[in-house]
Every structure is written in C-alpha cells, then in structure tokens.
Amino acid sequence: MWQRAVAEPLATSQQVRFIHRDFHPVNVLYESTEKYNVVDWISGCVGPIEADVAHCRLNLALLKSVEAADQFLSEYIAYSGFSYDRKWDLTAVFDFEPDTLNVYPGWKAYGKANISQGNVRERMENIVLKVYENDESGY
C-alpha cells in the first residue's frame, strides 16, 4: 500500500481559505463543549481547507485511533457540508515524513504518555490502509 500511496497524484481542492496549517487536538483549548480556542497560528496561511482536516485526522489517528479520525471527519462533513477526498489523508501522511517519524513531545503534555514510535508507525499505516479500504479505486 505504501508504494501505491507514493504513486497517487496529489489531491486538489476548490476550497481555499485561511487555514491553521497545524490544526490538531493539542492546539485546541477547551473551556466547555461550547467554548474553545485554537492556538499556535504560526503556520497560518491561505490554502486548501482539506489540509487542516487531513492533518487533524492524522493526529487523531496517531493519538487515539483511525475510528476517532473517522468520527471527526463525519462530524466535520455534517457540520460544514464540505466534501472530502481521502487522498488528503495521504498528503498528511507524507507531510509527516513517515521514515523519520518521532513521537511529538507535546502529546505527553496532552496526557498521552503511552505512545511509542512503534505504535505511532502502526497507526500511520492504518490510516494509509483506510484510504484504500472501501473499493479498488480507494475513495
């Protein structure tokens, strides 16, 4: 599947907006279910909104599970009405440079002390497999 993922053409978007570009659960501070703040906007730029969705999905998959990432995607689509091409998941994976993947130190501060490089790699592989799960076309 890795070889197939590398050979995929890049995902495209018609949904270009101002994006965070490092959107993940550690960058969201919650006061309640109705009140939250997104922090760490140093990478903010104009770009495809799917880049933020994919980056957050990958982080959720690495922190928790692919199922948690899928739940986020379902809720995102229901709330926003936007569509999502799972090729963006591959873009996020390769943004992380899988061959040199390290456990992000901020995850320990987030309360995830049980994450190792081995299970991060396994979860990354699971999200690549998820891209191709539905049918032979992969999407």
N, C-alpha and C. Protein backbone atom coordinates (compact mmCIF):
# COMPACT_ATOMS: atom_id res chain seq x y z
N MET A 1 0.81 -1.21 0.00
CA MET A 1 0.00 0.00 0.00
C MET A 1 0.85 1.27 0.00
N TRP A 2 2.03 1.21 0.64
CA TRP A 2 2.90 2.38 0.65
C TRP A 2 3.31 2.75 -0.77
N GLN A 3 3.65 1.76 -1.59
CA GLN A 3 4.05 2.05 -2.97
C GLN A 3 2.88 2.67 -3.73
N ARG A 4 1.69 2.16 -3.51
CA ARG A 4 0.51 2.71 -4.16
C ARG A 4 0.27 4.15 -3.70
N ALA A 5 0.44 4.39 -2.41
CA ALA A 5 0.23 5.74 -1.87
C ALA A 5 1.23 6.73 -2.46
N VAL A 6 2.48 6.32 -2.59
CA VAL A 6 3.51 7.20 -3.17
C VAL A 6 3.18 7.54 -4.61
N ALA A 7 2.56 6.62 -5.34
CA ALA A 7 2.27 6.81 -6.76
C ALA A 7 1.01 7.65 -7.00
N GLU A 8 0.21 7.90 -5.97
CA GLU A 8 -1.03 8.65 -6.14
C GLU A 8 -0.76 10.09 -6.59
N PRO A 9 -1.57 10.60 -7.51
CA PRO A 9 -1.46 12.03 -7.83
C PRO A 9 -1.89 12.85 -6.62
N LEU A 10 -1.40 14.07 -6.54
CA LEU A 10 -1.76 14.94 -5.42
C LEU A 10 -3.25 15.25 -5.42
N ALA A 11 -3.80 15.40 -4.24
CA ALA A 11 -5.19 15.80 -4.11
C ALA A 11 -5.32 17.27 -4.52
N THR A 12 -6.49 17.61 -5.02
CA THR A 12 -6.75 19.00 -5.41
C THR A 12 -7.93 19.54 -4.61
N SER A 13 -8.06 20.85 -4.57
CA SER A 13 -9.11 21.48 -3.78
C SER A 13 -9.66 22.70 -4.49
N GLN A 14 -10.94 22.90 -4.33
CA GLN A 14 -11.59 24.14 -4.76
C GLN A 14 -12.00 24.95 -3.53
N GLN A 15 -11.53 24.52 -2.35
CA GLN A 15 -11.93 25.11 -1.07
C GLN A 15 -10.73 25.79 -0.40
N VAL A 16 -10.24 26.84 -1.01
CA VAL A 16 -9.06 27.53 -0.50
C VAL A 16 -9.53 28.67 0.42
N ARG A 17 -8.99 28.67 1.62
CA ARG A 17 -9.35 29.65 2.65
C ARG A 17 -8.10 29.94 3.50
N PHE A 18 -8.27 30.79 4.50
CA PHE A 18 -7.22 30.95 5.51
C PHE A 18 -7.29 29.72 6.41
N ILE A 19 -6.17 29.02 6.56
CA ILE A 19 -6.14 27.79 7.34
C ILE A 19 -5.07 27.87 8.43
N HIS A 20 -5.18 27.02 9.41
CA HIS A 20 -4.26 26.95 10.53
C HIS A 20 -2.92 26.35 10.11
N ARG A 21 -2.95 25.28 9.39
CA ARG A 21 -1.85 24.52 8.81
C ARG A 21 -1.08 23.68 9.84
N ASP A 22 -1.56 23.68 11.08
CA ASP A 22 -1.04 22.76 12.10
C ASP A 22 -2.18 22.43 13.05
N PHE A 23 -3.37 22.22 12.48
CA PHE A 23 -4.58 22.00 13.26
C PHE A 23 -4.60 20.57 13.79
N HIS A 24 -4.58 20.44 15.10
CA HIS A 24 -4.68 19.13 15.74
C HIS A 24 -5.18 19.33 17.17
N PRO A 25 -5.57 18.27 17.85
CA PRO A 25 -6.21 18.41 19.17
C PRO A 25 -5.38 19.15 20.21
N VAL A 26 -4.06 19.07 20.14
CA VAL A 26 -3.23 19.75 21.13
C VAL A 26 -3.30 21.27 20.96
N ASN A 27 -3.69 21.74 19.78
CA ASN A 27 -3.80 23.17 19.52
C ASN A 27 -5.21 23.71 19.74
N VAL A 28 -6.06 22.93 20.38
CA VAL A 28 -7.41 23.38 20.72
C VAL A 28 -7.55 23.34 22.23
N LEU A 29 -7.86 24.51 22.82
CA LEU A 29 -8.06 24.60 24.26
C LEU A 29 -9.55 24.72 24.54
N TYR A 30 -10.06 23.85 25.39
CA TYR A 30 -11.49 23.81 25.68
C TYR A 30 -11.79 24.36 27.06
N GLU A 31 -12.83 25.21 27.12
CA GLU A 31 -13.39 25.61 28.41
C GLU A 31 -14.64 24.79 28.68
N SER A 32 -15.38 24.51 27.60
CA SER A 32 -16.59 23.70 27.67
C SER A 32 -16.87 23.19 26.26
N THR A 33 -17.96 22.44 26.08
CA THR A 33 -18.27 21.96 24.74
C THR A 33 -18.68 23.08 23.81
N GLU A 34 -19.08 24.22 24.37
CA GLU A 34 -19.48 25.36 23.54
C GLU A 34 -18.39 26.41 23.39
N LYS A 35 -17.38 26.38 24.24
CA LYS A 35 -16.37 27.43 24.23
C LYS A 35 -14.98 26.83 24.14
N TYR A 36 -14.27 27.21 23.07
CA TYR A 36 -12.92 26.70 22.85
C TYR A 36 -12.12 27.73 22.08
N ASN A 37 -10.81 27.57 22.10
CA ASN A 37 -9.91 28.46 21.37
C ASN A 37 -8.87 27.63 20.62
N VAL A 38 -8.55 28.04 19.43
CA VAL A 38 -7.49 27.41 18.66
C VAL A 38 -6.25 28.28 18.81
N VAL A 39 -5.13 27.65 19.19
CA VAL A 39 -3.89 28.38 19.45
C VAL A 39 -2.81 27.95 18.47
N ASP A 40 -1.67 28.62 18.54
CA ASP A 40 -0.48 28.29 17.76
C ASP A 40 -0.70 28.50 16.26
N TRP A 41 -0.93 29.74 15.89
CA TRP A 41 -1.23 30.10 14.50
C TRP A 41 0.02 30.46 13.70
N ILE A 42 1.19 30.07 14.15
CA ILE A 42 2.42 30.48 13.47
C ILE A 42 2.51 29.98 12.03
N SER A 43 1.85 28.87 11.73
CA SER A 43 1.89 28.32 10.36
C SER A 43 0.67 28.73 9.54
N GLY A 44 -0.17 29.60 10.07
CA GLY A 44 -1.38 30.04 9.36
C GLY A 44 -1.05 30.59 7.98
N CYS A 45 -1.88 30.25 7.00
CA CYS A 45 -1.66 30.68 5.63
C CYS A 45 -2.94 30.47 4.82
N VAL A 46 -2.92 30.89 3.58
CA VAL A 46 -4.02 30.60 2.67
C VAL A 46 -3.72 29.27 2.02
N GLY A 47 -4.71 28.38 2.03
CA GLY A 47 -4.50 27.06 1.45
C GLY A 47 -5.78 26.25 1.44
N PRO A 48 -5.69 25.01 1.04
CA PRO A 48 -6.87 24.14 0.96
C PRO A 48 -7.33 23.73 2.36
N ILE A 49 -8.63 23.87 2.62
CA ILE A 49 -9.12 23.52 3.96
C ILE A 49 -8.92 22.04 4.25
N GLU A 50 -8.86 21.23 3.22
CA GLU A 50 -8.65 19.80 3.43
C GLU A 50 -7.31 19.51 4.10
N ALA A 51 -6.34 20.39 3.92
CA ALA A 51 -5.03 20.20 4.56
C ALA A 51 -5.19 20.22 6.09
N ASP A 52 -6.01 21.14 6.61
CA ASP A 52 -6.25 21.17 8.04
C ASP A 52 -7.04 19.94 8.50
N VAL A 53 -8.06 19.57 7.74
CA VAL A 53 -8.87 18.39 8.09
C VAL A 53 -7.98 17.14 8.11
N ALA A 54 -7.16 16.97 7.07
CA ALA A 54 -6.29 15.80 6.97
C ALA A 54 -5.26 15.77 8.10
N HIS A 55 -4.67 16.92 8.40
CA HIS A 55 -3.66 16.99 9.46
C HIS A 55 -4.29 16.62 10.81
N CYS A 56 -5.49 17.12 11.06
CA CYS A 56 -6.17 16.81 12.31
C CYS A 56 -6.55 15.32 12.34
N ARG A 57 -7.04 14.80 11.21
CA ARG A 57 -7.38 13.37 11.14
C ARG A 57 -6.17 12.50 11.45
N LEU A 58 -5.04 12.83 10.86
CA LEU A 58 -3.85 12.03 11.09
C LEU A 58 -3.43 12.10 12.56
N ASN A 59 -3.47 13.29 13.14
CA ASN A 59 -3.12 13.42 14.55
C ASN A 59 -4.07 12.63 15.43
N LEU A 60 -5.36 12.67 15.13
CA LEU A 60 -6.32 11.87 15.91
C LEU A 60 -6.04 10.38 15.76
N ALA A 61 -5.72 9.95 14.55
CA ALA A 61 -5.39 8.54 14.33
C ALA A 61 -4.14 8.16 15.12
N LEU A 62 -3.14 9.03 15.16
CA LEU A 62 -1.90 8.74 15.88
C LEU A 62 -2.10 8.79 17.39
N LEU A 63 -2.90 9.75 17.86
CA LEU A 63 -3.14 9.89 19.29
C LEU A 63 -4.10 8.84 19.84
N LYS A 64 -5.13 8.53 19.04
CA LYS A 64 -6.20 7.65 19.53
C LYS A 64 -6.39 6.45 18.62
N SER A 65 -7.05 6.67 17.46
CA SER A 65 -7.34 5.57 16.54
C SER A 65 -7.87 6.11 15.23
N VAL A 66 -7.87 5.26 14.22
CA VAL A 66 -8.47 5.64 12.93
C VAL A 66 -9.96 5.89 13.12
N GLU A 67 -10.59 5.15 14.02
CA GLU A 67 -12.02 5.34 14.28
C GLU A 67 -12.30 6.75 14.81
N ALA A 68 -11.43 7.26 15.68
CA ALA A 68 -11.58 8.63 16.19
C ALA A 68 -11.43 9.63 15.05
N ALA A 69 -10.48 9.38 14.14
CA ALA A 69 -10.29 10.25 12.98
C ALA A 69 -11.51 10.21 12.07
N ASP A 70 -12.09 9.04 11.90
CA ASP A 70 -13.29 8.91 11.07
C ASP A 70 -14.49 9.62 11.70
N GLN A 71 -14.60 9.55 13.02
CA GLN A 71 -15.69 10.26 13.70
C GLN A 71 -15.54 11.77 13.49
N PHE A 72 -14.31 12.28 13.64
CA PHE A 72 -14.07 13.70 13.39
C PHE A 72 -14.48 14.07 11.96
N LEU A 73 -14.10 13.24 10.98
CA LEU A 73 -14.44 13.54 9.59
C LEU A 73 -15.95 13.53 9.38
N SER A 74 -16.63 12.57 9.94
CA SER A 74 -18.10 12.51 9.80
C SER A 74 -18.75 13.76 10.37
N GLU A 75 -18.30 14.17 11.55
CA GLU A 75 -18.88 15.36 12.18
C GLU A 75 -18.50 16.62 11.41
N TYR A 76 -17.28 16.68 10.91
CA TYR A 76 -16.85 17.83 10.12
C TYR A 76 -17.71 17.98 8.87
N ILE A 77 -17.91 16.89 8.14
CA ILE A 77 -18.73 16.93 6.92
C ILE A 77 -20.16 17.30 7.25
N ALA A 78 -20.73 16.71 8.30
CA ALA A 78 -22.11 17.03 8.70
C ALA A 78 -22.26 18.50 9.06
N TYR A 79 -21.28 19.05 9.77
CA TYR A 79 -21.36 20.45 10.20
C TYR A 79 -21.09 21.42 9.07
N SER A 80 -20.07 21.14 8.25
CA SER A 80 -19.64 22.11 7.23
C SER A 80 -20.34 21.95 5.90
N GLY A 81 -20.76 20.73 5.58
CA GLY A 81 -21.35 20.46 4.26
C GLY A 81 -20.31 20.27 3.17
N PHE A 82 -19.02 20.40 3.51
CA PHE A 82 -17.95 20.21 2.52
C PHE A 82 -17.74 18.73 2.25
N SER A 83 -17.24 18.44 1.08
CA SER A 83 -16.86 17.06 0.76
C SER A 83 -15.39 16.89 1.12
N TYR A 84 -14.93 15.64 1.10
CA TYR A 84 -13.54 15.35 1.47
C TYR A 84 -13.06 14.17 0.66
N ASP A 85 -11.93 14.35 0.00
CA ASP A 85 -11.29 13.29 -0.77
C ASP A 85 -10.21 12.69 0.13
N ARG A 86 -10.28 11.39 0.37
CA ARG A 86 -9.33 10.75 1.27
C ARG A 86 -7.88 10.79 0.78
N LYS A 87 -7.66 11.23 -0.45
CA LYS A 87 -6.28 11.44 -0.90
C LYS A 87 -5.58 12.45 0.02
N TRP A 88 -6.35 13.34 0.63
CA TRP A 88 -5.75 14.31 1.54
C TRP A 88 -5.11 13.63 2.73
N ASP A 89 -5.63 12.46 3.13
CA ASP A 89 -5.01 11.70 4.21
C ASP A 89 -3.58 11.31 3.82
N LEU A 90 -3.40 10.94 2.56
CA LEU A 90 -2.06 10.57 2.09
C LEU A 90 -1.13 11.78 2.12
N THR A 91 -1.65 12.94 1.72
CA THR A 91 -0.85 14.16 1.77
C THR A 91 -0.38 14.43 3.19
N ALA A 92 -1.29 14.26 4.16
CA ALA A 92 -0.91 14.48 5.57
C ALA A 92 0.15 13.48 6.03
N VAL A 93 0.00 12.23 5.62
CA VAL A 93 0.98 11.22 5.99
C VAL A 93 2.37 11.60 5.48
N PHE A 94 2.45 12.01 4.22
CA PHE A 94 3.75 12.34 3.67
C PHE A 94 4.27 13.68 4.16
N ASP A 95 3.40 14.56 4.65
CA ASP A 95 3.86 15.78 5.33
C ASP A 95 4.62 15.42 6.61
N PHE A 96 4.26 14.30 7.23
CA PHE A 96 4.88 13.86 8.47
C PHE A 96 6.22 13.15 8.26
N GLU A 97 6.60 12.89 7.03
CA GLU A 97 7.82 12.16 6.72
C GLU A 97 7.88 10.84 7.50
N PRO A 98 7.09 9.84 7.07
CA PRO A 98 6.95 8.59 7.82
C PRO A 98 8.27 7.88 8.12
N ASP A 99 9.28 8.04 7.29
CA ASP A 99 10.53 7.34 7.55
C ASP A 99 11.30 7.89 8.73
N THR A 100 11.04 9.14 9.11
CA THR A 100 11.75 9.75 10.24
C THR A 100 10.78 10.15 11.35
N LEU A 101 9.66 9.47 11.44
CA LEU A 101 8.61 9.81 12.38
C LEU A 101 9.07 9.65 13.83
N ASN A 102 8.86 10.67 14.62
CA ASN A 102 9.14 10.64 16.05
C ASN A 102 7.86 10.95 16.80
N VAL A 103 7.81 10.55 18.05
CA VAL A 103 6.66 10.88 18.89
C VAL A 103 6.74 12.36 19.23
N TYR A 104 5.69 13.09 18.95
CA TYR A 104 5.63 14.53 19.21
C TYR A 104 5.65 14.79 20.72
N PRO A 105 6.62 15.56 21.23
CA PRO A 105 6.72 15.79 22.68
C PRO A 105 5.46 16.42 23.29
N GLY A 106 4.74 17.22 22.52
CA GLY A 106 3.52 17.84 23.04
C GLY A 106 2.45 16.84 23.41
N TRP A 107 2.51 15.64 22.85
CA TRP A 107 1.50 14.63 23.17
C TRP A 107 1.60 14.19 24.63
N LYS A 108 2.81 14.16 25.17
CA LYS A 108 2.96 13.81 26.59
C LYS A 108 2.30 14.87 27.46
N ALA A 109 2.47 16.14 27.09
CA ALA A 109 1.81 17.22 27.82
C ALA A 109 0.30 17.12 27.70
N TYR A 110 -0.17 16.54 26.60
CA TYR A 110 -1.60 16.33 26.35
C TYR A 110 -2.12 15.14 27.15
N GLY A 111 -1.23 14.42 27.83
CA GLY A 111 -1.65 13.29 28.64
C GLY A 111 -1.49 11.94 27.96
N LYS A 112 -0.77 11.89 26.86
CA LYS A 112 -0.60 10.65 26.11
C LYS A 112 0.82 10.11 26.30
N ALA A 113 1.12 9.64 27.49
CA ALA A 113 2.45 9.16 27.80
C ALA A 113 2.71 7.74 27.28
N ASN A 114 1.68 7.02 26.87
CA ASN A 114 1.84 5.63 26.45
C ASN A 114 2.06 5.47 24.95
N ILE A 115 2.39 6.53 24.25
CA ILE A 115 2.58 6.45 22.81
C ILE A 115 4.07 6.22 22.52
N SER A 116 4.34 5.21 21.71
CA SER A 116 5.71 4.91 21.33
C SER A 116 5.88 5.10 19.82
N GLN A 117 7.11 5.14 19.37
CA GLN A 117 7.36 5.27 17.95
C GLN A 117 6.77 4.08 17.19
N GLY A 118 6.80 2.91 17.79
CA GLY A 118 6.23 1.72 17.16
C GLY A 118 4.74 1.81 16.95
N ASN A 119 3.98 2.23 17.98
CA ASN A 119 2.54 2.30 17.76
C ASN A 119 2.13 3.51 16.94
N VAL A 120 2.94 4.56 16.93
CA VAL A 120 2.66 5.68 16.02
C VAL A 120 2.81 5.22 14.58
N ARG A 121 3.87 4.47 14.30
CA ARG A 121 4.09 3.95 12.94
C ARG A 121 2.93 3.03 12.52
N GLU A 122 2.50 2.15 13.43
CA GLU A 122 1.39 1.24 13.13
C GLU A 122 0.11 2.01 12.84
N ARG A 123 -0.17 3.04 13.62
CA ARG A 123 -1.38 3.84 13.41
C ARG A 123 -1.30 4.61 12.10
N MET A 124 -0.10 5.08 11.73
CA MET A 124 0.07 5.75 10.45
C MET A 124 -0.21 4.78 9.31
N GLU A 125 0.28 3.58 9.42
CA GLU A 125 0.00 2.57 8.40
C GLU A 125 -1.49 2.28 8.31
N ASN A 126 -2.18 2.28 9.45
CA ASN A 126 -3.63 2.03 9.46
C ASN A 126 -4.39 3.12 8.70
N ILE A 127 -3.94 4.37 8.80
CA ILE A 127 -4.66 5.41 8.08
C ILE A 127 -4.41 5.30 6.58
N VAL A 128 -3.20 4.86 6.18
CA VAL A 128 -2.96 4.61 4.75
C VAL A 128 -3.85 3.48 4.27
N LEU A 129 -3.96 2.41 5.04
CA LEU A 129 -4.85 1.30 4.66
C LEU A 129 -6.30 1.76 4.57
N LYS A 130 -6.71 2.65 5.45
CA LYS A 130 -8.09 3.16 5.47
C LYS A 130 -8.43 3.88 4.17
N VAL A 131 -7.47 4.56 3.58
CA VAL A 131 -7.71 5.27 2.32
C VAL A 131 -8.19 4.29 1.26
N TYR A 132 -7.65 3.09 1.27
CA TYR A 132 -7.95 2.09 0.24
C TYR A 132 -8.96 1.06 0.68
N GLU A 133 -9.59 1.23 1.80
CA GLU A 133 -10.48 0.23 2.37
C GLU A 133 -11.76 0.01 1.57
N ASN A 134 -12.35 1.07 1.04
CA ASN A 134 -13.71 0.97 0.50
C ASN A 134 -13.84 0.20 -0.79
N ASP A 135 -12.97 0.46 -1.74
CA ASP A 135 -13.04 -0.25 -3.01
C ASP A 135 -11.70 -0.15 -3.73
N GLU A 136 -11.59 -0.74 -4.88
CA GLU A 136 -10.32 -0.78 -5.59
C GLU A 136 -9.83 0.63 -5.99
N SER A 137 -10.77 1.55 -6.25
CA SER A 137 -10.35 2.90 -6.61
C SER A 137 -9.77 3.63 -5.39
N GLY A 138 -10.10 3.17 -4.20
CA GLY A 138 -9.53 3.73 -2.99
C GLY A 138 -10.32 4.86 -2.36
N TYR A 139 -11.33 5.35 -3.00
CA TYR A 139 -12.02 6.51 -2.41
C TYR A 139 -13.50 6.25 -2.31
